[in-house]
């Protein structure tokens, strides 16, 4: 039977595969002299694959080691760096095999893969930093909760300068709480929820973080229209997009300048560069007085991994992610820039339809106390003590416990029936489930209020609580604690 390799059409098939391969393939003799190359190798002018085998001493030395290994083992792999015609560096992978006294070498450009691997490494690092930041923010929430709760309690009891001093402490703690909440939301965004976002209000709320982001050498100017319409977007992604635009504008002004954030209602884009449809939009514009961009740079700024920064200056993913968010939200984005004249990035987001209305805050119930019994469960003793002081000052009876076993024991041995359970969401999931099961008979009708710095408590073991589960955001003031406790008790069937 005739061997397959001797079929006449086998040479034709091999040559067809070789010529139509997207990889550069070359054939060397035993001395390393180039004797043949496919079309991909001949056409790779930017890499000059053919010239690689007639190159300088360093590359010849590397290729010599490739040839020696091919002669010894029949196979060899080599990675080298080579300068492209445009001056950039290419990372090449050479994979060779010995065939009937010839060396067939496949040359692949792995530069793009190396870039993606590096970006993934950076993104994993950012994710780790995000988790670390979230953990630190949770710790700050626990530290701020007693400060905020007790300072507001003191402010209501003291008079004169002492009351003013307590109020100042409360104000400072409230500002720290808002900043911590912002950092926590950015570090661990909530599950994707489309909601009505007031762009001007959101920018104003993030302004303390923006001020720290731009630094002292850049003047921050906010031109926010108070009557700007709502837009339906994911709040966390909008906040990320805004901070990305601010960070890019800051980087364009290394020696200082002015950064302006503008919001107002528009119909289409008066410059003809934004949305092509004439419909109502909310405009968010970020303007810097930096160096500006050339046409070539402006044409590529939304490309993934494209960056004009140094190797350690950024990933090139910022504006790409901003554009993806804007497009997925039904909007558009445009850029105006001239060299020496600065840059304006304009984001157009569709206005929410008139029938849609955001949940508005309802008037708070009267700040009144009660005689009911509240069981407080949490690992942080300072938080438990602060909650106890505030509630007992308004007449409530308070039991507190640091774990599920202690909570069940305290509830079972007390002569008071538990009317409400106030628990910390940072308890381990198994602990949350144990509390629910253990208190089923002791406080079956007691509503459950969760103290948490996050809103996604539905993922925890308290999820079985059902409709009687309520959320109290940490850190909270004494008034917020009293309102939530009273509202939960009054809502009992």
Protein backbone atom coordinates (compact mmCIF):
# COMPACT_ATOMS: atom_id res chain seq x y z
CA UNK A 1 0.00 0.00 0.00
CA UNK A 2 1.36 3.38 -0.99
CA UNK A 3 2.39 5.60 1.93
CA UNK A 4 0.19 8.68 2.42
CA UNK A 5 3.23 11.01 2.35
CA UNK A 6 4.03 9.88 -1.19
CA UNK A 7 0.63 10.80 -2.63
CA UNK A 8 1.18 13.38 -5.43
CA UNK A 9 -1.49 15.70 -4.10
CA UNK A 10 0.10 15.72 -0.63
CA UNK A 11 2.71 18.25 -1.72
CA UNK A 12 -0.02 20.44 -3.19
CA UNK A 13 -2.03 20.28 0.04
CA UNK A 14 1.00 21.06 2.20
CA UNK A 15 1.97 23.99 0.01
CA UNK A 16 -1.61 25.33 0.07
CA UNK A 17 -1.73 25.18 3.87
CA UNK A 18 1.68 26.81 4.15
CA UNK A 19 0.89 29.67 1.78
CA UNK A 20 -2.52 30.44 3.30
CA UNK A 21 -1.43 30.26 6.92
CA UNK A 22 -1.85 33.51 8.84
CA UNK A 23 1.37 32.73 10.72
CA UNK A 24 4.76 33.53 9.24
CA UNK A 25 6.55 30.27 8.32
CA UNK A 26 10.15 30.00 7.16
CA UNK A 27 12.38 27.08 6.17
CA UNK A 28 16.08 27.00 7.13
CA UNK A 29 18.83 24.64 6.11
CA UNK A 30 21.03 22.95 8.71
CA UNK A 31 23.34 25.98 8.76
CA UNK A 32 20.45 28.32 9.56
CA UNK A 33 20.33 29.87 6.09
CA UNK A 34 16.86 30.97 4.98
CA UNK A 35 15.78 28.97 1.92
CA UNK A 36 12.00 29.52 1.77
CA UNK A 37 9.20 31.54 3.36
CA UNK A 38 5.44 31.70 2.98
CA UNK A 39 3.41 34.76 1.97
CA UNK A 40 2.69 35.75 5.58
CA UNK A 41 6.42 35.93 6.34
CA UNK A 42 7.20 37.88 3.19
CA UNK A 43 4.32 40.29 3.81
CA UNK A 44 5.14 41.03 7.46
CA UNK A 45 7.01 44.22 6.62
CA UNK A 46 6.47 45.88 10.00
CA UNK A 47 8.16 42.94 11.72
CA UNK A 48 10.62 42.19 8.89
CA UNK A 49 10.51 38.44 9.51
CA UNK A 50 12.80 37.79 6.56
CA UNK A 51 15.35 40.26 7.94
CA UNK A 52 15.20 38.52 11.31
CA UNK A 53 17.36 35.75 9.89
CA UNK A 54 19.93 38.25 8.56
CA UNK A 55 20.02 40.34 11.73
CA UNK A 56 22.54 41.62 14.24
CA UNK A 57 24.90 39.57 16.36
CA UNK A 58 22.58 39.35 19.36
CA UNK A 59 19.67 37.96 17.33
CA UNK A 60 22.01 35.64 15.42
CA UNK A 61 23.21 34.28 18.74
CA UNK A 62 19.63 33.61 19.87
CA UNK A 63 18.81 31.95 16.53
CA UNK A 64 21.97 29.85 16.83
CA UNK A 65 20.72 28.45 20.13
CA UNK A 66 17.37 27.70 18.45
CA UNK A 67 19.17 25.82 15.64
CA UNK A 68 21.35 23.87 18.08
CA UNK A 69 18.32 22.71 20.05
CA UNK A 70 16.56 21.73 16.81
CA UNK A 71 19.55 19.63 15.82
CA UNK A 72 19.71 17.99 19.24
CA UNK A 73 16.01 17.47 20.03
CA UNK A 74 14.11 18.00 16.81
CA UNK A 75 11.98 20.72 18.41
CA UNK A 76 12.68 24.13 19.93
CA UNK A 77 10.91 27.26 21.16
CA UNK A 78 12.36 30.75 21.50
CA UNK A 79 10.95 34.12 22.56
CA UNK A 80 12.68 37.30 21.41
CA UNK A 81 11.97 41.02 21.22
CA UNK A 82 12.28 42.88 17.92
CA UNK A 83 11.86 46.54 17.03
CA UNK A 84 9.14 47.24 14.47
CA UNK A 85 9.46 49.76 11.66
CA UNK A 86 7.46 52.30 13.70
CA UNK A 87 9.86 52.03 16.65
CA UNK A 88 7.61 49.94 18.93
CA UNK A 89 8.72 46.62 20.38
CA UNK A 90 7.26 43.31 19.21
CA UNK A 91 7.34 40.13 21.28
CA UNK A 92 7.92 37.19 18.93
CA UNK A 93 7.49 33.48 19.61
CA UNK A 94 9.52 31.16 17.37
CA UNK A 95 8.49 27.48 17.33
CA UNK A 96 10.68 25.20 15.22
CA UNK A 97 10.68 21.55 14.20
CA UNK A 98 13.25 19.50 12.25
CA UNK A 99 11.83 17.84 9.11
CA UNK A 100 14.02 15.64 6.90
CA UNK A 101 17.16 17.68 7.54
CA UNK A 102 15.38 21.06 7.25
CA UNK A 103 14.20 23.39 9.99
CA UNK A 104 10.64 24.71 9.72
CA UNK A 105 10.09 27.71 12.00
CA UNK A 106 6.73 29.36 12.74
CA UNK A 107 7.03 33.01 13.83
CA UNK A 108 4.09 34.45 15.81
CA UNK A 109 3.67 38.01 17.07
CA UNK A 110 2.57 37.64 20.71
CA UNK A 111 2.65 41.35 21.47
CA UNK A 112 -1.13 41.69 21.67
CA UNK A 113 -1.41 38.64 23.89
CA UNK A 114 1.32 39.96 26.17
CA UNK A 115 -0.53 43.27 26.44
CA UNK A 116 -3.80 41.54 27.30
CA UNK A 117 -2.09 39.33 29.87
CA UNK A 118 -0.56 42.43 31.45
CA UNK A 119 -3.91 44.20 31.49
CA UNK A 120 -5.56 41.18 33.09
CA UNK A 121 -2.84 41.12 35.72
CA UNK A 122 -3.45 44.80 36.45
CA UNK A 123 -7.21 44.29 36.57
CA UNK A 124 -6.83 41.40 39.00
CA UNK A 125 -4.65 43.67 41.12
CA UNK A 126 -7.30 46.39 40.98
CA UNK A 127 -9.96 43.85 42.00
CA UNK A 128 -7.84 42.86 45.01
CA UNK A 129 -7.42 46.51 45.93
CA UNK A 130 -11.18 46.92 45.61
CA UNK A 131 -11.84 44.09 48.06
CA UNK A 132 -9.22 45.50 50.45
CA UNK A 133 -10.73 48.98 50.17
CA UNK A 134 -14.19 47.60 50.84
CA UNK A 135 -12.95 45.84 53.96
CA UNK A 136 -11.32 49.02 55.25
CA UNK A 137 -14.50 50.99 54.49
CA UNK A 138 -16.52 48.50 56.53
CA UNK A 139 -14.14 48.98 59.45
CA UNK A 140 -14.52 52.76 59.13
CA UNK A 141 -18.29 52.35 59.14
CA UNK A 142 -18.08 50.51 62.45
CA UNK A 143 -15.83 53.23 63.87
CA UNK A 144 -18.08 56.04 62.62
CA UNK A 145 -21.34 54.49 63.82
CA UNK A 146 -20.80 55.12 67.57
CA UNK A 147 -19.25 58.54 66.84
CA UNK A 148 -22.20 59.65 64.74
CA UNK A 149 -24.90 58.07 66.92
CA UNK A 150 -23.54 59.33 70.25
CA UNK A 151 -22.57 62.81 69.02
CA UNK A 152 -26.11 63.35 67.70
CA UNK A 153 -27.49 62.06 71.00
CA UNK A 154 -25.28 64.48 72.96
CA UNK A 155 -26.16 67.37 70.67
CA UNK A 156 -29.80 66.88 71.64
CA UNK A 157 -29.08 66.75 75.37
CA UNK A 158 -26.47 69.50 75.80
CA UNK A 159 -26.91 73.24 75.54
CA UNK A 160 -24.85 76.25 74.55
CA UNK A 161 -21.26 75.79 73.43
CA UNK A 162 -21.26 72.14 74.47
CA UNK A 163 -24.21 71.42 72.18
CA UNK A 164 -22.45 73.30 69.35
CA UNK A 165 -19.29 71.25 69.89
CA UNK A 166 -21.29 68.00 69.79
CA UNK A 167 -23.02 69.21 66.62
CA UNK A 168 -19.64 69.91 65.00
CA UNK A 169 -18.53 66.36 65.81
CA UNK A 170 -21.76 65.04 64.30
CA UNK A 171 -21.25 67.12 61.15
CA UNK A 172 -17.66 65.90 60.70
CA UNK A 173 -18.73 62.29 61.28
CA UNK A 174 -21.54 62.68 58.75
CA UNK A 175 -19.10 63.99 56.12
CA UNK A 176 -16.76 61.07 56.82
CA UNK A 177 -19.72 58.70 56.54
CA UNK A 178 -20.70 60.05 53.12
CA UNK A 179 -17.10 59.78 51.87
CA UNK A 180 -16.79 56.21 53.20
CA UNK A 181 -20.09 55.25 51.57
CA UNK A 182 -18.91 56.62 48.24
CA UNK A 183 -15.63 54.70 48.42
CA UNK A 184 -17.49 51.53 49.42
CA UNK A 185 -19.92 51.79 46.51
CA UNK A 186 -17.04 52.32 44.06
CA UNK A 187 -14.97 49.48 45.51
CA UNK A 188 -17.84 46.98 45.49
CA UNK A 189 -20.58 48.17 43.15
CA UNK A 190 -24.09 46.96 43.85
CA UNK A 191 -25.88 44.51 41.59
CA UNK A 192 -26.85 46.11 38.29
CA UNK A 193 -30.01 48.14 38.85
CA UNK A 194 -31.33 50.69 36.40
CA UNK A 195 -32.56 53.71 38.34
CA UNK A 196 -33.34 57.36 37.86
CA UNK A 197 -30.16 59.33 38.53
CA UNK A 198 -30.03 63.09 39.03
CA UNK A 199 -26.71 63.84 37.31
CA UNK A 200 -26.18 67.22 38.99
CA UNK A 201 -26.88 65.84 42.47
CA UNK A 202 -24.60 62.86 41.89
CA UNK A 203 -21.72 65.09 40.75
CA UNK A 204 -22.23 67.30 43.81
CA UNK A 205 -22.22 64.27 46.12
CA UNK A 206 -18.97 63.02 44.56
CA UNK A 207 -17.33 66.45 44.64
CA UNK A 208 -15.29 65.75 47.84
CA UNK A 209 -13.83 62.68 46.15
CA UNK A 210 -13.26 64.57 42.89
CA UNK A 211 -11.40 67.33 44.77
CA UNK A 212 -9.03 64.77 46.26
CA UNK A 213 -8.63 63.08 42.88
CA UNK A 214 -7.57 66.25 41.02
CA UNK A 215 -5.26 67.56 43.78
CA UNK A 216 -4.38 71.07 44.90
CA UNK A 217 -2.75 72.33 41.69
CA UNK A 218 -5.94 72.01 39.62
CA UNK A 219 -8.89 74.34 40.15
CA UNK A 220 -12.20 72.47 40.13
CA UNK A 221 -15.23 74.31 38.74
CA UNK A 222 -18.73 72.79 38.93
CA UNK A 223 -21.40 74.26 36.65
CA UNK A 224 -24.39 72.14 37.60
CA UNK A 225 -27.90 72.89 36.38
CA UNK A 226 -30.27 72.45 39.33
CA UNK A 227 -33.27 71.56 37.16
CA UNK A 228 -31.45 68.94 35.08
CA UNK A 229 -33.64 65.95 34.18
CA UNK A 230 -33.14 62.43 35.49
CA UNK A 231 -31.52 59.74 33.35
CA UNK A 232 -32.08 55.99 33.69
CA UNK A 233 -28.68 54.32 34.22
CA UNK A 234 -26.73 52.09 36.58
CA UNK A 235 -25.62 54.50 39.29
CA UNK A 236 -22.35 52.73 40.09
CA UNK A 237 -21.28 52.62 36.42
CA UNK A 238 -22.17 56.29 35.99
CA UNK A 239 -20.02 57.19 39.00
CA UNK A 240 -17.13 55.11 37.61
CA UNK A 241 -17.47 56.83 34.23
CA UNK A 242 -17.44 60.29 35.82
CA UNK A 243 -14.32 59.54 37.88
CA UNK A 244 -12.60 58.06 34.81
CA UNK A 245 -13.25 61.27 32.86
CA UNK A 246 -11.99 63.37 35.77
CA UNK A 247 -8.83 61.24 36.12
CA UNK A 248 -8.06 61.59 32.39
CA UNK A 249 -8.58 65.35 32.53
CA UNK A 250 -6.28 65.58 35.56
CA UNK A 251 -3.55 63.59 33.80
CA UNK A 252 -3.73 66.04 30.88
CA UNK A 253 -2.69 68.86 33.25
CA UNK A 254 0.50 67.66 35.02
CA UNK A 255 1.46 71.28 35.82
CA UNK A 256 -1.96 72.39 36.99
CA UNK A 257 -4.89 74.06 35.31
CA UNK A 258 -8.68 74.22 35.49
CA UNK A 259 -11.09 71.29 35.34
CA UNK A 260 -14.75 72.10 34.69
CA UNK A 261 -17.68 69.70 35.11
CA UNK A 262 -20.90 70.90 33.45
CA UNK A 263 -24.42 69.45 33.46
CA UNK A 264 -27.54 70.67 31.68
CA UNK A 265 -30.41 69.57 29.47
CA UNK A 266 -29.88 69.58 25.70
CA UNK A 267 -31.66 68.46 22.55
CA UNK A 268 -29.18 66.63 20.34
CA UNK A 269 -25.61 67.91 20.05
CA UNK A 270 -25.22 71.55 18.93
CA UNK A 271 -21.68 70.70 17.72
CA UNK A 272 -22.90 67.87 15.52
CA UNK A 273 -20.44 65.37 17.06
CA UNK A 274 -22.66 63.65 19.61
CA UNK A 275 -26.02 61.92 19.13
CA UNK A 276 -27.37 61.84 15.59
CA UNK A 277 -31.00 61.89 16.73
CA UNK A 278 -32.76 65.07 17.81
CA UNK A 279 -34.14 64.05 21.19
CA UNK A 280 -33.78 65.30 24.76
CA UNK A 281 -30.58 64.36 26.53
CA UNK A 282 -28.80 65.10 29.78
CA UNK A 283 -25.32 66.42 29.04
CA UNK A 284 -22.33 65.76 31.27
CA UNK A 285 -19.22 67.56 30.02
CA UNK A 286 -15.71 67.40 31.50
CA UNK A 287 -13.34 70.11 30.24
CA UNK A 288 -9.64 70.55 30.96
CA UNK A 289 -7.13 73.24 30.05
CA UNK A 290 -4.41 70.73 29.25
CA UNK A 291 -2.23 70.12 26.21
CA UNK A 292 -5.03 68.85 23.99
CA UNK A 293 -4.78 66.06 21.42
CA UNK A 294 -3.77 65.60 17.82
CA UNK A 295 -6.28 64.21 15.32
CA UNK A 296 -4.49 60.85 15.32
CA UNK A 297 -4.71 60.53 19.09
CA UNK A 298 -8.32 61.72 19.20
CA UNK A 299 -9.27 59.07 16.64
CA UNK A 300 -7.95 56.29 18.89
CA UNK A 301 -8.77 57.38 22.44
CA UNK A 302 -11.71 54.98 22.74
CA UNK A 303 -9.71 51.96 21.54
CA UNK A 304 -9.19 49.34 24.27
CA UNK A 305 -5.66 49.44 25.73
CA UNK A 306 -4.76 52.62 23.86
CA UNK A 307 -2.98 55.12 26.11
CA UNK A 308 -0.60 58.04 25.70
CA UNK A 309 0.73 57.58 29.24
CA UNK A 310 4.01 56.02 30.23
CA UNK A 311 4.20 52.27 30.82
CA UNK A 312 3.35 52.67 34.51
CA UNK A 313 0.83 55.47 33.98
CA UNK A 314 -2.38 53.63 33.10
CA UNK A 315 -4.02 50.67 31.42
CA UNK A 316 -5.75 52.45 28.54
CA UNK A 317 -9.09 50.98 29.59
CA UNK A 318 -10.66 54.13 31.13
CA UNK A 319 -12.24 55.85 28.13
CA UNK A 320 -13.06 52.51 26.51
CA UNK A 321 -15.12 51.52 29.55
CA UNK A 322 -16.76 54.97 29.63
CA UNK A 323 -17.84 54.64 26.01
CA UNK A 324 -19.20 51.13 26.61
CA UNK A 325 -21.28 52.36 29.55
CA UNK A 326 -22.64 55.33 27.58
CA UNK A 327 -23.59 53.25 24.53
CA UNK A 328 -25.21 50.54 26.67
CA UNK A 329 -27.21 53.27 28.41
CA UNK A 330 -28.60 54.46 25.08
CA UNK A 331 -26.43 57.58 24.86
CA UNK A 332 -23.41 58.81 22.96
CA UNK A 333 -20.07 60.43 23.67
CA UNK A 334 -18.02 62.98 21.73
CA UNK A 335 -14.63 64.66 22.12
CA UNK A 336 -13.51 68.14 21.14
CA UNK A 337 -9.80 68.85 21.41
CA UNK A 338 -7.08 70.94 19.85
CA UNK A 339 -3.37 70.92 20.58
CA UNK A 340 -2.68 73.59 23.17
CA UNK A 341 -6.39 74.34 23.69
CA UNK A 342 -7.46 71.60 26.08
CA UNK A 343 -10.12 68.91 25.74
CA UNK A 344 -13.86 68.56 26.35
CA UNK A 345 -15.46 65.12 26.63
CA UNK A 346 -19.26 65.32 26.32
CA UNK A 347 -21.52 62.48 27.48
CA UNK A 348 -25.15 62.49 26.29
CA UNK A 349 -27.57 60.31 28.26
CA UNK A 350 -31.27 60.01 27.38
CA UNK A 351 -33.61 61.85 29.71
CA UNK A 352 -36.03 59.73 31.71
CA UNK A 353 -39.59 59.75 30.41
CA UNK A 354 -41.99 62.00 32.29
CA UNK A 355 -44.19 59.14 33.62
CA UNK A 356 -41.16 57.64 35.37
CA UNK A 357 -40.58 58.94 38.87
CA UNK A 358 -37.87 58.14 41.33
CA UNK A 359 -38.69 57.11 44.83
CA UNK A 360 -38.81 60.27 46.83
CA UNK A 361 -38.08 60.36 50.52
CA UNK A 362 -41.21 60.43 52.65
CA UNK A 363 -41.56 62.50 55.80
CA UNK A 364 -39.90 60.79 58.75
CA UNK A 365 -42.15 59.50 61.51
CA UNK A 366 -42.13 61.32 64.80
CA UNK A 367 -39.02 60.76 66.89
CA UNK A 368 -40.64 58.97 69.79
CA UNK A 369 -39.39 56.18 71.99
CA UNK A 370 -41.18 53.18 73.41
CA UNK A 371 -41.28 50.45 76.00
CA UNK A 372 -40.55 47.52 73.69
CA UNK A 373 -37.60 45.13 74.00
CA UNK A 374 -34.90 45.26 71.31
CA UNK A 375 -32.30 42.51 70.83
CA UNK A 376 -29.04 43.91 69.37
CA UNK A 377 -26.66 41.38 67.77
CA UNK A 378 -23.20 42.31 66.46
CA UNK A 379 -19.53 41.47 66.88
CA UNK A 380 -18.45 45.10 67.40
CA UNK A 381 -18.86 46.00 71.07
CA UNK A 382 -18.63 49.77 70.51
CA UNK A 383 -21.49 49.67 68.00
CA UNK A 384 -23.63 47.62 70.41
CA UNK A 385 -22.92 49.99 73.30
CA UNK A 386 -23.77 53.06 71.21
CA UNK A 387 -27.05 51.51 70.03
CA UNK A 388 -27.93 50.53 73.60
CA UNK A 389 -27.30 54.06 74.91
CA UNK A 390 -29.46 55.68 72.24
CA UNK A 391 -32.36 53.25 72.62
CA UNK A 392 -32.35 53.17 76.41
CA UNK A 393 -32.37 56.98 76.47
CA UNK A 394 -35.77 56.78 74.73
CA UNK A 395 -37.24 54.18 77.08
CA UNK A 396 -36.56 50.96 75.18
CA UNK A 397 -35.37 47.82 76.94
CA UNK A 398 -32.23 46.52 75.25
CA UNK A 399 -30.59 43.09 75.17
CA UNK A 400 -27.28 42.74 73.35
CA UNK A 401 -25.20 39.80 72.19
CA UNK A 402 -22.00 39.30 70.19
CA UNK A 403 -22.89 35.92 68.65
CA UNK A 404 -25.85 33.72 67.77
CA UNK A 405 -25.34 31.48 70.80
CA UNK A 406 -25.27 34.45 73.15
CA UNK A 407 -28.31 35.98 71.44
CA UNK A 408 -30.36 32.80 71.80
CA UNK A 409 -29.30 32.41 75.43
CA UNK A 410 -30.02 36.05 76.31
CA UNK A 411 -33.43 35.95 74.61
CA UNK A 412 -34.40 32.64 76.24
CA UNK A 413 -33.40 33.69 79.79
CA UNK A 414 -34.83 37.23 79.69
CA UNK A 415 -38.16 37.95 81.34
CA UNK A 416 -38.99 40.24 78.40
CA UNK A 417 -40.32 39.11 75.06
CA UNK A 418 -38.16 40.27 72.16
CA UNK A 419 -40.15 42.74 70.04
CA UNK A 420 -37.44 43.60 67.48
CA UNK A 421 -34.10 42.14 66.39
CA UNK A 422 -31.38 44.60 65.30
CA UNK A 423 -28.51 42.61 63.75
CA UNK A 424 -25.25 43.44 61.99
CA UNK A 425 -24.93 42.12 58.42
CA UNK A 426 -21.19 41.48 58.94
CA UNK A 427 -22.05 38.39 60.97
CA UNK A 428 -20.97 35.25 59.07
CA UNK A 429 -23.65 33.72 56.84
CA UNK A 430 -23.90 30.61 59.01
CA UNK A 431 -24.36 32.82 62.06
CA UNK A 432 -27.17 34.74 60.38
CA UNK A 433 -28.98 31.51 59.56
CA UNK A 434 -28.46 30.20 63.10
CA UNK A 435 -29.92 33.40 64.56
CA UNK A 436 -33.04 33.09 62.40
CA UNK A 437 -33.54 29.44 63.32
CA UNK A 438 -32.72 29.88 67.01
CA UNK A 439 -35.03 32.85 67.50
CA UNK A 440 -37.90 31.34 65.52
CA UNK A 441 -39.73 30.29 68.67
CA UNK A 442 -38.47 33.09 70.93
CA UNK A 443 -39.20 36.05 68.67
CA UNK A 444 -41.29 34.65 65.84
CA UNK A 445 -43.17 37.89 65.18
CA UNK A 446 -40.30 40.26 65.84
CA UNK A 447 -39.31 42.34 62.79
CA UNK A 448 -35.69 42.18 61.76
CA UNK A 449 -33.60 45.30 61.06
CA UNK A 450 -30.20 44.78 59.43
CA UNK A 451 -27.35 47.24 60.12
CA UNK A 452 -25.16 47.35 57.03
CA UNK A 453 -22.90 49.64 55.04
CA UNK A 454 -24.07 47.91 51.86
CA UNK A 455 -27.42 47.40 50.17
CA UNK A 456 -26.98 43.84 48.89
CA UNK A 457 -27.85 42.12 52.19
CA UNK A 458 -30.23 39.86 50.29
CA UNK A 459 -27.21 37.65 49.59
CA UNK A 460 -26.73 36.91 53.25
CA UNK A 461 -28.25 34.32 55.55
CA UNK A 462 -30.91 36.78 56.71
CA UNK A 463 -32.62 36.45 53.32
CA UNK A 464 -35.14 34.07 54.84
CA UNK A 465 -36.53 36.97 56.83
CA UNK A 466 -38.94 37.83 54.03
CA UNK A 467 -41.00 41.00 53.98
CA UNK A 468 -40.23 41.93 57.61
CA UNK A 469 -36.53 42.54 56.85
CA UNK A 470 -35.52 46.20 56.92
CA UNK A 471 -32.19 47.91 56.28
CA UNK A 472 -30.45 50.54 58.42
CA UNK A 473 -27.43 51.95 56.60
CA UNK A 474 -24.25 52.31 58.64
CA UNK A 475 -23.03 54.65 59.89
CA UNK A 476 -26.24 56.16 61.26
CA UNK A 477 -27.17 58.98 63.61
CA UNK A 478 -29.26 58.57 66.74
CA UNK A 479 -32.27 60.06 64.91
CA UNK A 480 -31.91 57.60 62.03
CA UNK A 481 -31.68 54.68 64.45
CA UNK A 482 -34.74 55.80 66.41
CA UNK A 483 -36.81 56.40 63.28
CA UNK A 484 -36.02 52.98 61.82
CA UNK A 485 -36.68 51.13 65.08
CA UNK A 486 -39.98 52.94 65.63
CA UNK A 487 -41.08 52.42 62.02
CA UNK A 488 -40.27 48.69 62.18
CA UNK A 489 -42.19 48.26 65.44
CA UNK A 490 -45.20 50.23 64.22
CA UNK A 491 -45.35 48.15 61.02
CA UNK A 492 -45.92 44.91 62.89
CA UNK A 493 -49.22 43.15 62.06
